[in-house]
């Protein structure tokens, strides 16, 4: 299951004592090869956590032997000492694996602005190295949760190879990437350059289209590791499809587990002059707190959709805009359409379709409603 579905990978998750309460809080994923090709994509936030800066540096070599991940602390905005803590974590894992710290990625998630309890972290890495196993993927996925209520895993089978993945994320879900730690593994044989190209395209249409609260994290990291243990050189188009399916599956799991959410909202933008316009409009609608409140109240308020669309510089004519909610076109030609009472707002999944009537391009952005539970959870997060 998860990151250990493909051959050549071992993993585990342990309770290192980083979080109070005794829950698992440190994961280790190890690539036993024969290949170590790897690629990653990271947050576009200019304020980057120490583990992001470290892992970006490591991946310049295009190789990873292992990934250490912790929950319970982001190690972001912690100064030079925080970067040294990341370096020490990689050095500890490298010593235990008899390898180089230059091929160990580090990922952290949790509260910003506080240093990690390094005694617990380093002890946890030692515990994890002793418990690595082929069936440790589920424990690893559990160990990276913060406000996640469930572990998030996925795997897909290709022609003679596997792709597996795990992710965490329930808040600060906004492009680029949506707030997450994500590790994807495969036993197919690929180069680091091929992995990078595939991962970039896969994330651009999955994680990058997830925007639940408009808040971009300092720690976003998605890694793709190849062990080559299946001995199969895959068809690149098929491989990209499998990686994209895993990313889409994990993104959906992030969406439905978003903090406090009661509705999963898909904003389908059609008839756009360009894909960029479609994404731009989708994100503007996704970030409308007025609309998110209306959806929570099961009110098909299409006026709030048009208001959000109008804040963008996308190409469209206001009198040609059409909006449907759950298949009912309640706005036609920028004015009243079908009877809004026909819209069934009871399902958890809500689809908003925006037709710009300006071209052939489409894109879908995913968000959630805005609830009192979301406000409560985030008002009490650091306490």
Protein backbone atom coordinates (compact mmCIF):
# COMPACT_ATOMS: atom_id res chain seq x y z
CA UNK A 1 0.00 0.00 0.00
CA UNK A 2 0.97 3.64 -0.39
CA UNK A 3 4.65 4.44 -1.03
CA UNK A 4 5.68 0.81 -0.52
CA UNK A 5 3.39 -0.56 -3.23
CA UNK A 6 6.21 -0.29 -5.81
CA UNK A 7 9.20 -2.63 -5.43
CA UNK A 8 12.40 -1.26 -3.94
CA UNK A 9 10.91 0.88 -1.18
CA UNK A 10 10.66 0.51 2.58
CA UNK A 11 8.99 2.89 5.00
CA UNK A 12 7.67 3.33 8.50
CA UNK A 13 6.13 5.86 10.86
CA UNK A 14 6.96 6.20 14.55
CA UNK A 15 5.97 8.24 17.60
CA UNK A 16 9.09 10.28 18.25
CA UNK A 17 7.56 12.62 20.81
CA UNK A 18 7.48 15.71 18.57
CA UNK A 19 3.72 15.95 19.10
CA UNK A 20 2.10 15.54 22.49
CA UNK A 21 -0.29 12.66 22.97
CA UNK A 22 1.82 9.80 21.69
CA UNK A 23 0.68 9.85 18.04
CA UNK A 24 3.03 8.93 15.21
CA UNK A 25 4.90 12.03 14.10
CA UNK A 26 7.96 10.98 12.09
CA UNK A 27 8.12 8.98 8.87
CA UNK A 28 11.02 7.57 6.89
CA UNK A 29 10.83 6.41 3.28
CA UNK A 30 13.88 4.64 1.84
CA UNK A 31 14.69 3.82 -1.79
CA UNK A 32 16.70 0.59 -2.01
CA UNK A 33 17.27 0.99 -5.75
CA UNK A 34 18.93 0.02 -7.98
CA UNK A 35 18.02 3.51 -9.26
CA UNK A 36 17.86 6.64 -7.13
CA UNK A 37 16.45 9.04 -9.74
CA UNK A 38 14.16 11.65 -8.18
CA UNK A 39 12.47 14.99 -8.78
CA UNK A 40 10.42 17.45 -6.76
CA UNK A 41 8.18 20.48 -6.89
CA UNK A 42 7.93 22.96 -4.03
CA UNK A 43 5.95 25.88 -2.71
CA UNK A 44 6.03 29.12 -4.70
CA UNK A 45 5.86 31.07 -1.44
CA UNK A 46 8.90 33.36 -1.16
CA UNK A 47 9.03 32.52 2.55
CA UNK A 48 10.28 28.94 2.42
CA UNK A 49 10.82 26.58 5.34
CA UNK A 50 14.30 25.22 6.03
CA UNK A 51 13.40 21.69 4.83
CA UNK A 52 12.23 23.11 1.49
CA UNK A 53 15.48 24.99 1.00
CA UNK A 54 17.47 21.88 1.95
CA UNK A 55 15.50 19.48 -0.27
CA UNK A 56 15.66 21.84 -3.25
CA UNK A 57 19.43 21.88 -2.86
CA UNK A 58 19.60 18.09 -2.57
CA UNK A 59 17.49 17.53 -5.68
CA UNK A 60 19.86 19.50 -7.87
CA UNK A 61 21.71 16.18 -8.06
CA UNK A 62 18.57 14.36 -9.28
CA UNK A 63 18.99 11.52 -6.76
CA UNK A 64 17.35 10.55 -3.46
CA UNK A 65 18.11 7.63 -1.18
CA UNK A 66 15.56 8.56 1.48
CA UNK A 67 13.03 11.09 2.75
CA UNK A 68 12.57 12.01 6.42
CA UNK A 69 9.21 13.64 7.19
CA UNK A 70 7.90 14.99 10.48
CA UNK A 71 4.62 16.45 11.67
CA UNK A 72 4.29 18.57 14.79
CA UNK A 73 6.48 21.45 13.60
CA UNK A 74 7.10 23.20 10.26
CA UNK A 75 10.68 24.34 10.96
CA UNK A 76 9.78 27.49 9.02
CA UNK A 77 11.00 31.01 9.89
CA UNK A 78 13.51 29.52 12.34
CA UNK A 79 16.64 31.21 10.99
CA UNK A 80 20.05 29.60 10.42
CA UNK A 81 19.49 27.33 13.41
CA UNK A 82 16.45 25.82 11.73
CA UNK A 83 18.42 25.08 8.58
CA UNK A 84 21.10 23.44 10.71
CA UNK A 85 18.39 21.31 12.34
CA UNK A 86 17.33 20.11 8.88
CA UNK A 87 20.94 19.37 7.98
CA UNK A 88 21.39 17.42 11.24
CA UNK A 89 18.27 15.38 10.46
CA UNK A 90 19.63 14.45 7.03
CA UNK A 91 23.05 13.64 8.51
CA UNK A 92 21.44 11.34 11.09
CA UNK A 93 19.46 9.44 8.46
CA UNK A 94 22.52 9.20 6.21
CA UNK A 95 24.65 7.75 9.01
CA UNK A 96 22.04 5.11 9.81
CA UNK A 97 21.70 4.19 6.14
CA UNK A 98 25.47 4.34 5.53
CA UNK A 99 24.91 6.95 2.86
CA UNK A 100 25.35 10.64 2.05
CA UNK A 101 23.27 13.46 3.53
CA UNK A 102 23.36 14.96 0.05
CA UNK A 103 20.80 12.35 -1.04
CA UNK A 104 18.41 12.67 1.92
CA UNK A 105 15.37 14.95 1.56
CA UNK A 106 13.68 16.38 4.64
CA UNK A 107 10.05 17.52 4.95
CA UNK A 108 8.32 19.13 7.92
CA UNK A 109 4.76 20.26 8.68
CA UNK A 110 3.12 22.00 11.59
CA UNK A 111 3.29 25.34 13.38
CA UNK A 112 5.48 28.06 11.83
CA UNK A 113 8.06 29.96 13.85
CA UNK A 114 9.15 27.36 16.40
CA UNK A 115 12.23 25.16 16.34
CA UNK A 116 11.82 21.41 16.41
CA UNK A 117 12.72 19.38 19.52
CA UNK A 118 15.82 17.92 17.94
CA UNK A 119 16.46 15.28 20.58
CA UNK A 120 13.07 13.79 19.74
CA UNK A 121 13.58 14.18 15.99
CA UNK A 122 16.98 12.47 15.92
CA UNK A 123 15.80 9.72 18.25
CA UNK A 124 12.78 9.25 15.99
CA UNK A 125 14.97 8.89 12.91
CA UNK A 126 16.91 6.17 14.71
CA UNK A 127 13.69 4.37 15.72
CA UNK A 128 12.35 4.64 12.17
CA UNK A 129 15.52 3.27 10.57
CA UNK A 130 15.23 0.20 12.79
CA UNK A 131 11.59 -0.42 11.82
CA UNK A 132 11.71 0.03 8.05
CA UNK A 133 9.66 -2.56 6.18
CA UNK A 134 7.93 -3.26 2.89
CA UNK A 135 4.55 -2.99 4.61
CA UNK A 136 5.32 0.25 6.47
CA UNK A 137 3.62 2.63 4.04
CA UNK A 138 0.42 3.00 6.04
CA UNK A 139 2.28 3.90 9.23
CA UNK A 140 4.35 6.42 7.29
CA UNK A 141 1.19 8.06 5.90
CA UNK A 142 -0.27 8.22 9.41
CA UNK A 143 2.85 9.86 10.85
CA UNK A 144 2.71 12.92 8.58
CA UNK A 145 -0.83 13.97 9.55
CA UNK A 146 -1.43 17.29 11.32
CA UNK A 147 -5.08 18.39 11.29
CA UNK A 148 -5.84 15.61 8.80
CA UNK A 149 -8.55 13.33 10.15
CA UNK A 150 -7.47 10.40 7.96
CA UNK A 151 -4.33 9.15 6.23
CA UNK A 152 -4.16 9.77 2.49
CA UNK A 153 -2.71 7.09 0.22
CA UNK A 154 -3.03 6.01 -3.41
CA UNK A 155 -1.51 3.56 -5.88
CA UNK A 156 -1.95 2.70 -9.55
CA UNK A 157 -0.65 -0.21 -11.63
CA UNK A 158 1.04 0.37 -14.98
CA UNK A 159 2.33 -2.10 -17.56
CA UNK A 160 4.72 -4.06 -15.35
CA UNK A 161 5.30 -1.35 -12.76
CA UNK A 162 3.55 0.46 -9.90
CA UNK A 163 3.10 4.06 -8.77
CA UNK A 164 2.29 4.68 -5.11
CA UNK A 165 1.85 7.79 -3.03
CA UNK A 166 1.02 9.33 0.33
CA UNK A 167 0.11 12.89 1.24
CA UNK A 168 -0.97 15.10 4.09
CA UNK A 169 -2.91 18.33 4.04
CA UNK A 170 -6.16 19.72 5.41
CA UNK A 171 -5.57 23.48 5.69
CA UNK A 172 -3.64 26.24 3.89
CA UNK A 173 -4.67 24.60 0.64
CA UNK A 174 -3.90 27.02 -2.17
CA UNK A 175 -1.65 27.19 -5.24
CA UNK A 176 1.09 26.70 -5.88
CA UNK A 177 0.76 23.04 -5.01
CA UNK A 178 -1.75 23.32 -2.17
CA UNK A 179 -0.32 22.90 1.29
CA UNK A 180 0.98 19.42 1.53
CA UNK A 181 3.74 16.97 1.99
CA UNK A 182 3.53 14.30 -0.68
CA UNK A 183 5.84 11.44 -1.59
CA UNK A 184 5.22 9.43 -4.77
CA UNK A 185 7.22 6.32 -5.63
CA UNK A 186 7.61 4.08 -8.65
CA UNK A 187 9.60 0.97 -9.50
CA UNK A 188 9.75 1.90 -13.19
CA UNK A 189 13.07 2.97 -14.72
CA UNK A 190 13.21 6.68 -15.54
CA UNK A 191 15.75 9.48 -15.48
CA UNK A 192 15.55 12.42 -13.09
CA UNK A 193 14.79 14.69 -16.04
CA UNK A 194 11.87 12.52 -17.13
CA UNK A 195 10.53 12.38 -13.56
CA UNK A 196 10.75 16.17 -13.30
CA UNK A 197 8.84 16.76 -16.52
CA UNK A 198 6.12 14.27 -15.60
CA UNK A 199 5.76 15.59 -12.07
CA UNK A 200 5.56 19.21 -13.18
CA UNK A 201 2.74 18.49 -15.60
CA UNK A 202 0.90 16.19 -13.19
CA UNK A 203 0.91 18.67 -10.32
CA UNK A 204 -0.10 21.59 -12.55
CA UNK A 205 -3.52 20.03 -13.25
CA UNK A 206 -4.13 18.41 -9.84
CA UNK A 207 -2.57 19.89 -6.71
CA UNK A 208 -2.22 23.29 -8.38
CA UNK A 209 -5.99 23.38 -8.99
CA UNK A 210 -6.83 22.85 -5.31
CA UNK A 211 -7.67 26.10 -3.53
CA UNK A 212 -9.76 25.66 -0.39
CA UNK A 213 -8.78 28.73 1.62
CA UNK A 214 -6.49 30.93 -0.48
CA UNK A 215 -3.55 30.46 1.90
CA UNK A 216 -0.18 29.33 0.52
CA UNK A 217 2.12 27.31 2.75
CA UNK A 218 5.83 27.74 3.44
CA UNK A 219 6.40 23.97 3.33
CA UNK A 220 4.72 22.52 0.21
CA UNK A 221 6.75 19.59 -1.12
CA UNK A 222 5.92 16.89 -3.66
CA UNK A 223 8.64 14.31 -4.36
CA UNK A 224 8.75 11.58 -7.01
CA UNK A 225 11.28 8.76 -6.51
CA UNK A 226 12.17 5.92 -8.88
CA UNK A 227 13.77 2.68 -7.68
CA UNK A 228 13.88 0.97 -11.09
CA UNK A 229 13.35 -2.31 -9.22
CA UNK A 230 10.70 -3.58 -11.65
CA UNK A 231 13.24 -3.46 -14.47
CA UNK A 232 10.67 -1.86 -16.76
CA UNK A 233 11.20 1.14 -18.97
CA UNK A 234 7.64 2.54 -19.15
CA UNK A 235 5.80 4.22 -21.97
CA UNK A 236 6.16 7.85 -20.88
CA UNK A 237 2.61 8.83 -21.80
CA UNK A 238 1.18 5.96 -19.79
CA UNK A 239 3.51 6.69 -16.88
CA UNK A 240 2.46 10.34 -16.83
CA UNK A 241 -1.16 9.24 -16.80
CA UNK A 242 -0.57 6.97 -13.79
CA UNK A 243 1.31 9.66 -11.86
CA UNK A 244 -1.43 12.17 -12.68
CA UNK A 245 -4.07 9.70 -11.48
CA UNK A 246 -2.25 9.26 -8.18
CA UNK A 247 -1.92 13.04 -7.77
CA UNK A 248 -5.59 13.57 -8.63
CA UNK A 249 -6.66 10.88 -6.18
CA UNK A 250 -4.58 12.39 -3.38
CA UNK A 251 -5.79 15.91 -4.23
CA UNK A 252 -9.39 14.71 -3.96
CA UNK A 253 -8.63 13.18 -0.56
CA UNK A 254 -7.12 16.49 0.58
CA UNK A 255 -10.24 18.31 -0.60
CA UNK A 256 -12.79 16.14 1.20
CA UNK A 257 -10.73 16.22 4.42
CA UNK A 258 -10.23 20.01 4.36
CA UNK A 259 -10.59 21.67 7.74
CA UNK A 260 -14.22 22.17 8.73
CA UNK A 261 -15.58 21.64 5.22
CA UNK A 262 -19.08 20.33 4.62
CA UNK A 263 -19.11 20.79 0.81
CA UNK A 264 -16.59 19.83 -1.89
CA UNK A 265 -16.96 22.36 -4.70
CA UNK A 266 -15.77 21.94 -8.28
CA UNK A 267 -15.62 25.11 -10.36
CA UNK A 268 -15.67 24.17 -14.03
CA UNK A 269 -14.75 27.07 -16.30
CA UNK A 270 -15.61 26.50 -19.96
CA UNK A 271 -15.62 28.65 -23.06
CA UNK A 272 -12.42 30.45 -22.08
CA UNK A 273 -10.09 32.19 -24.51
CA UNK A 274 -7.13 30.37 -22.93
CA UNK A 275 -6.43 27.80 -20.26
CA UNK A 276 -4.78 30.54 -18.19
CA UNK A 277 -8.01 32.54 -18.32
CA UNK A 278 -10.00 29.47 -17.25
CA UNK A 279 -7.70 28.83 -14.27
CA UNK A 280 -7.69 32.52 -13.32
CA UNK A 281 -11.49 32.66 -13.25
CA UNK A 282 -11.75 29.36 -11.39
CA UNK A 283 -9.40 30.57 -8.68
CA UNK A 284 -11.22 33.89 -8.31
CA UNK A 285 -14.52 32.07 -7.78
CA UNK A 286 -12.87 29.57 -5.42
CA UNK A 287 -11.58 32.39 -3.22
CA UNK A 288 -14.88 34.25 -2.86
CA UNK A 289 -15.73 33.98 0.84
CA UNK A 290 -19.22 35.30 0.09
CA UNK A 291 -19.82 32.46 -2.36
CA UNK A 292 -18.28 29.86 -0.03
CA UNK A 293 -20.65 31.00 2.73
CA UNK A 294 -23.60 30.81 0.33
CA UNK A 295 -22.73 27.25 -0.66
CA UNK A 296 -22.45 26.30 3.01
CA UNK A 297 -25.96 27.72 3.48
CA UNK A 298 -27.10 25.76 0.40
CA UNK A 299 -27.95 29.01 -1.40
CA UNK A 300 -27.34 28.87 -5.20
CA UNK A 301 -26.26 32.52 -5.26
CA UNK A 302 -25.05 32.93 -8.84
CA UNK A 303 -24.60 36.69 -8.40
CA UNK A 304 -21.61 36.01 -6.18
CA UNK A 305 -20.12 33.86 -8.95
CA UNK A 306 -20.43 36.65 -11.52
CA UNK A 307 -19.03 39.16 -9.05
CA UNK A 308 -15.89 37.03 -8.62
CA UNK A 309 -15.51 36.45 -12.36
CA UNK A 310 -15.62 40.21 -12.88
CA UNK A 311 -12.57 40.80 -10.70
CA UNK A 312 -10.31 39.05 -13.22
CA UNK A 313 -8.75 40.29 -16.44
CA UNK A 314 -9.89 37.19 -18.34
CA UNK A 315 -11.38 37.76 -21.78
CA UNK A 316 -15.21 37.78 -21.68
CA UNK A 317 -18.28 39.96 -22.26
CA UNK A 318 -20.49 40.33 -19.16
CA UNK A 319 -23.69 39.95 -21.18
CA UNK A 320 -22.52 36.55 -22.48
CA UNK A 321 -21.73 34.92 -19.12
CA UNK A 322 -23.64 31.78 -18.13
CA UNK A 323 -23.58 29.99 -14.77
CA UNK A 324 -24.92 26.59 -13.76
CA UNK A 325 -24.97 25.07 -10.29
CA UNK A 326 -25.39 21.31 -10.13
CA UNK A 327 -26.51 21.28 -13.76
CA UNK A 328 -29.16 24.02 -13.59
CA UNK A 329 -28.36 27.11 -15.71
CA UNK A 330 -29.58 29.73 -13.27
CA UNK A 331 -27.73 32.54 -15.07
CA UNK A 332 -27.97 33.01 -18.83
CA UNK A 333 -26.49 35.90 -20.76
CA UNK A 334 -25.34 37.64 -17.59
CA UNK A 335 -28.88 37.72 -16.19
CA UNK A 336 -31.53 35.50 -14.60
CA UNK A 337 -31.78 32.03 -16.13
CA UNK A 338 -33.63 28.93 -15.00
CA UNK A 339 -35.55 28.84 -11.73
CA UNK A 340 -32.99 28.66 -8.89
CA UNK A 341 -35.40 26.53 -6.87
CA UNK A 342 -34.56 23.67 -9.25
CA UNK A 343 -30.99 23.50 -7.89
CA UNK A 344 -30.48 20.64 -5.42
CA UNK A 345 -27.88 21.92 -2.96
CA UNK A 346 -28.13 19.01 -0.52
CA UNK A 347 -25.30 16.81 -1.87
CA UNK A 348 -21.79 17.18 -0.42
CA UNK A 349 -20.41 17.60 -3.95
CA UNK A 350 -21.37 20.87 -5.63
CA UNK A 351 -20.44 21.71 -9.23
CA UNK A 352 -20.41 25.30 -10.43
CA UNK A 353 -20.04 25.73 -14.21
CA UNK A 354 -18.98 29.11 -15.54
CA UNK A 355 -19.30 29.60 -19.31
CA UNK A 356 -17.27 32.61 -20.46
CA UNK A 357 -18.43 32.24 -24.10
CA UNK A 358 -15.02 33.46 -25.24
CA UNK A 359 -13.20 30.42 -26.63
CA UNK A 360 -12.60 26.64 -26.53
CA UNK A 361 -10.53 26.26 -23.36
CA UNK A 362 -11.49 24.76 -20.00
CA UNK A 363 -10.13 24.21 -16.49
CA UNK A 364 -11.49 23.00 -13.17
CA UNK A 365 -10.51 24.40 -9.76
CA UNK A 366 -11.57 22.72 -6.51
CA UNK A 367 -12.52 24.40 -3.25
CA UNK A 368 -14.73 23.95 -0.17
CA UNK A 369 -17.36 25.93 1.69
CA UNK A 370 -16.58 28.30 4.56
CA UNK A 371 -17.88 27.04 7.89
CA UNK A 372 -17.87 28.00 11.55
CA UNK A 373 -15.89 24.82 12.16
CA UNK A 374 -13.09 26.08 9.89
CA UNK A 375 -12.91 29.36 11.81
CA UNK A 376 -12.90 27.55 15.15
CA UNK A 377 -10.18 25.09 14.15
CA UNK A 378 -7.86 27.80 12.86
CA UNK A 379 -8.53 30.22 15.72
CA UNK A 380 -7.34 27.56 18.16
CA UNK A 381 -4.61 25.94 16.04
CA UNK A 382 -1.53 27.06 17.95
CA UNK A 383 -3.07 26.37 21.35
